[in-house]
C-alpha cells in the first residue's frame, strides 16, 4: 500500500489506519532533527539585541549545562524560545507544547510560564505589569521558573559569554525526542528535580 484509498476519515479501514500509524511513527522519529533545524533558524529572527535568538538559546542551555542541570533542564533551556519565529505572541506556550510529551512536567510548566516571569525585568519600562508572575504564587514550580529566568534566561544576552555550539547539544535533543511520548516515567507529574547540581557542575568545569 502506497496511499490510503479514503478521502474522508470516517471511511478509513483498520488496515489503512495501521498503515498511517506506522508512517506517522517513522516521521515522528525525526522530530529532534527538525527541531535542531528550527533552532538554527532563530539566527534569522528578531534583531536588536547584542546576540541573535539562536545565540541566546545556546547561551541559556550552556548556563544550564554548566550549572549541572540534567538533560530535561538543558533541553528546556535550549528550546524555550523556539517558538519566537512562528508564535511571537505566545512563544512560551508554543515551546511548551513541543516539549510536553517528552520532558518532566516541571520543565514544561516552567517553559510555558517563563514569558510571564520574564516580565519582571522589563514590563515596567513599557507600561506593562512586571508582576504578572504573581498569579502563580504558591505553585509547586514557581521557584523553579523564577530561578530559570534569573540564572539562564534574562542573563543570556551576553556576546562575551563562552557559549557551546549547536552540535554540543544535539545528543541531548535527540535523546529527549527519542523517548516514548507521554511516558509517566518521564513526565513524573508533581516531581521536582533541582536545577542546579554543584557536584555535576564541578565535574563539567574540570
Protein backbone atom coordinates (compact mmCIF):
# COMPACT_ATOMS: atom_id res chain seq x y z
CA UNK A 1 0.00 0.00 0.00
CA UNK A 2 1.43 3.36 -1.06
CA UNK A 3 -1.54 5.51 -0.08
CA UNK A 4 -4.87 5.06 1.63
CA UNK A 5 -7.99 4.92 -0.54
CA UNK A 6 -10.30 7.03 1.58
CA UNK A 7 -10.99 10.72 1.00
CA UNK A 8 -12.95 11.18 4.24
CA UNK A 9 -11.55 9.93 7.54
CA UNK A 10 -14.75 8.14 8.52
CA UNK A 11 -14.34 5.83 5.53
CA UNK A 12 -10.89 4.53 6.50
CA UNK A 13 -10.31 0.88 7.31
CA UNK A 14 -8.35 -0.70 10.16
CA UNK A 15 -5.63 -1.71 7.70
CA UNK A 16 -5.35 1.84 6.38
CA UNK A 17 -5.08 3.38 9.82
CA UNK A 18 -2.45 0.86 10.88
CA UNK A 19 -0.54 1.79 7.71
CA UNK A 20 -0.81 5.50 8.57
CA UNK A 21 0.18 4.93 12.20
CA UNK A 22 3.40 3.26 11.08
CA UNK A 23 4.17 6.18 8.76
CA UNK A 24 3.44 8.70 11.50
CA UNK A 25 5.72 6.88 13.95
CA UNK A 26 8.53 6.92 11.40
CA UNK A 27 8.00 10.63 10.75
CA UNK A 28 7.87 11.40 14.48
CA UNK A 29 11.26 9.76 14.95
CA UNK A 30 12.80 12.71 13.10
CA UNK A 31 11.36 15.34 15.45
CA UNK A 32 14.65 16.00 17.21
CA UNK A 33 16.50 16.74 13.97
CA UNK A 34 13.71 19.02 12.74
CA UNK A 35 13.80 20.96 16.00
CA UNK A 36 17.53 21.43 15.70
CA UNK A 37 16.93 22.84 12.22
CA UNK A 38 14.24 25.16 13.62
CA UNK A 39 16.61 26.26 16.36
CA UNK A 40 19.20 27.30 13.78
CA UNK A 41 16.52 29.39 12.04
CA UNK A 42 16.40 31.57 15.16
CA UNK A 43 19.60 33.12 13.81
CA UNK A 44 17.33 34.90 11.32
CA UNK A 45 14.81 36.01 13.94
CA UNK A 46 14.27 39.15 15.97
CA UNK A 47 17.14 41.63 15.78
CA UNK A 48 18.14 44.50 18.04
CA UNK A 49 19.80 42.50 20.81
CA UNK A 50 23.56 42.12 21.07
CA UNK A 51 23.21 38.44 20.08
CA UNK A 52 20.75 36.51 17.90
CA UNK A 53 17.92 34.42 19.29
CA UNK A 54 19.96 31.33 18.44
CA UNK A 55 22.86 32.76 20.41
CA UNK A 56 20.51 33.46 23.31
CA UNK A 57 19.14 29.91 23.25
CA UNK A 58 22.59 28.36 23.13
CA UNK A 59 23.79 30.62 25.92
CA UNK A 60 20.85 29.70 28.15
CA UNK A 61 21.49 25.99 27.53
CA UNK A 62 25.21 26.46 28.18
CA UNK A 63 24.48 28.13 31.50
CA UNK A 64 22.15 25.26 32.41
CA UNK A 65 24.75 22.66 31.49
CA UNK A 66 27.47 24.47 33.45
CA UNK A 67 25.13 24.58 36.47
CA UNK A 68 24.99 20.77 36.42
CA UNK A 69 21.42 20.64 35.12
CA UNK A 70 20.08 17.32 33.87
CA UNK A 71 19.07 16.57 30.28
CA UNK A 72 15.46 17.73 30.66
CA UNK A 73 16.53 21.10 32.00
CA UNK A 74 19.24 21.56 29.38
CA UNK A 75 16.84 20.83 26.51
CA UNK A 76 14.17 23.04 28.06
CA UNK A 77 16.68 25.89 28.26
CA UNK A 78 17.81 25.29 24.69
CA UNK A 79 14.31 25.22 23.18
CA UNK A 80 12.45 27.65 25.45
CA UNK A 81 12.30 30.30 22.70
CA UNK A 82 11.98 28.02 19.67
CA UNK A 83 8.52 29.48 19.03
CA UNK A 84 9.79 33.02 18.52
CA UNK A 85 9.61 32.82 14.72
CA UNK A 86 6.21 31.17 14.34
CA UNK A 87 4.41 32.26 17.51
CA UNK A 88 5.85 35.62 18.59
CA UNK A 89 2.91 36.42 20.88
CA UNK A 90 2.76 33.07 22.66
CA UNK A 91 6.18 31.60 22.03
CA UNK A 92 6.33 30.21 25.57
CA UNK A 93 3.15 28.13 25.11
CA UNK A 94 4.34 27.02 21.67
CA UNK A 95 7.64 25.72 23.01
CA UNK A 96 5.95 24.05 25.97
CA UNK A 97 3.54 22.17 23.71
CA UNK A 98 6.50 20.75 21.78
CA UNK A 99 8.31 19.66 24.92
CA UNK A 100 5.29 18.41 26.90
CA UNK A 101 5.24 14.75 25.70
CA UNK A 102 8.96 14.24 26.24
CA UNK A 103 10.19 16.00 29.40
CA UNK A 104 9.18 16.35 33.03
CA UNK A 105 6.01 18.27 33.79
CA UNK A 106 8.20 20.58 35.90
CA UNK A 107 10.21 21.68 32.86
CA UNK A 108 7.17 22.05 30.63
CA UNK A 109 5.44 24.27 33.18
CA UNK A 110 8.50 26.49 33.53
CA UNK A 111 8.85 26.91 29.76
CA UNK A 112 5.12 27.60 29.39
CA UNK A 113 5.13 30.33 32.06
CA UNK A 114 8.56 31.88 31.54
CA UNK A 115 7.14 34.70 29.42
CA UNK A 116 5.13 36.00 32.38
CA UNK A 117 8.07 35.57 34.74
CA UNK A 118 10.42 37.43 32.39
CA UNK A 119 8.16 40.50 32.54
CA UNK A 120 9.69 41.28 35.93
CA UNK A 121 12.77 42.58 34.15
CA UNK A 122 11.25 44.89 31.55
CA UNK A 123 7.45 45.35 31.67
CA UNK A 124 7.65 48.48 33.85
CA UNK A 125 9.53 50.23 31.02
CA UNK A 126 6.65 49.64 28.62
CA UNK A 127 3.66 50.37 30.84
CA UNK A 128 3.05 46.68 31.47
CA UNK A 129 2.70 44.59 34.60
CA UNK A 130 6.07 43.36 35.87
CA UNK A 131 4.31 41.22 38.46
CA UNK A 132 2.34 39.03 36.06
CA UNK A 133 4.03 36.05 37.70
CA UNK A 134 2.25 36.73 40.98
CA UNK A 135 -0.87 34.91 39.80
CA UNK A 136 1.15 31.69 40.04
CA UNK A 137 2.26 32.31 43.63
CA UNK A 138 2.18 29.12 45.64
CA UNK A 139 2.53 26.84 42.62
CA UNK A 140 4.99 23.98 43.25
CA UNK A 141 7.12 25.06 40.28
CA UNK A 142 7.04 28.81 40.94
CA UNK A 143 10.54 28.97 42.38
CA UNK A 144 11.89 26.84 39.54
CA UNK A 145 10.57 29.28 36.96
CA UNK A 146 11.95 32.21 38.94
CA UNK A 147 15.38 30.58 39.01
CA UNK A 148 15.19 29.53 35.34
CA UNK A 149 14.60 33.13 34.32
CA UNK A 150 17.12 34.67 36.68
CA UNK A 151 20.03 32.30 36.05
CA UNK A 152 19.53 31.10 32.48
CA UNK A 153 17.13 33.32 30.54
CA UNK A 154 17.36 37.02 31.39
CA UNK A 155 21.15 36.82 31.76
CA UNK A 156 21.81 35.15 28.39
CA UNK A 157 22.26 38.13 26.08
CA UNK A 158 26.00 38.50 26.58
CA UNK A 159 28.15 38.39 23.41
CA UNK A 160 31.23 37.88 25.58
CA UNK A 161 29.96 34.70 27.23
CA UNK A 162 31.67 31.47 26.12
CA UNK A 163 28.76 29.60 24.57
CA UNK A 164 28.67 25.96 23.48
CA UNK A 165 27.68 25.25 19.84
CA UNK A 166 24.53 23.59 18.49
CA UNK A 167 26.37 20.34 17.83
CA UNK A 168 27.26 20.01 21.50
CA UNK A 169 23.55 19.90 22.38
CA UNK A 170 22.47 17.62 19.52
CA UNK A 171 22.76 14.40 21.61
CA UNK A 172 20.64 15.94 24.37
CA UNK A 173 17.86 16.87 21.93
CA UNK A 174 17.93 13.53 20.11
CA UNK A 175 17.79 11.65 23.40
CA UNK A 176 14.75 13.58 24.61
CA UNK A 177 12.74 13.29 21.41
CA UNK A 178 13.51 9.59 21.03
CA UNK A 179 11.54 8.92 24.22
CA UNK A 180 8.10 7.37 24.24
CA UNK A 181 5.61 10.22 24.21
CA UNK A 182 3.79 10.87 27.50
CA UNK A 183 5.64 8.11 29.33
CA UNK A 184 4.64 8.55 33.01
CA UNK A 185 8.19 7.64 33.99
CA UNK A 186 9.40 10.66 32.01
CA UNK A 187 6.62 13.15 32.76
CA UNK A 188 6.86 12.49 36.52
CA UNK A 189 3.85 14.59 37.45
CA UNK A 190 4.38 16.70 40.53
CA UNK A 191 8.05 15.83 40.94
CA UNK A 192 10.74 18.47 41.30
CA UNK A 193 14.32 17.91 40.23
CA UNK A 194 16.82 20.57 41.31
CA UNK A 195 18.00 22.80 38.50
CA UNK A 196 21.48 23.04 39.95
CA UNK A 197 23.78 20.17 40.84
CA UNK A 198 27.05 21.55 42.27
CA UNK A 199 28.76 18.16 42.06
CA UNK A 200 27.98 17.70 38.37
CA UNK A 201 28.77 21.35 37.71
CA UNK A 202 32.21 20.86 39.25
CA UNK A 203 32.87 17.83 37.03
CA UNK A 204 31.81 19.72 33.92
CA UNK A 205 34.05 22.62 34.80
CA UNK A 206 37.07 20.35 35.16
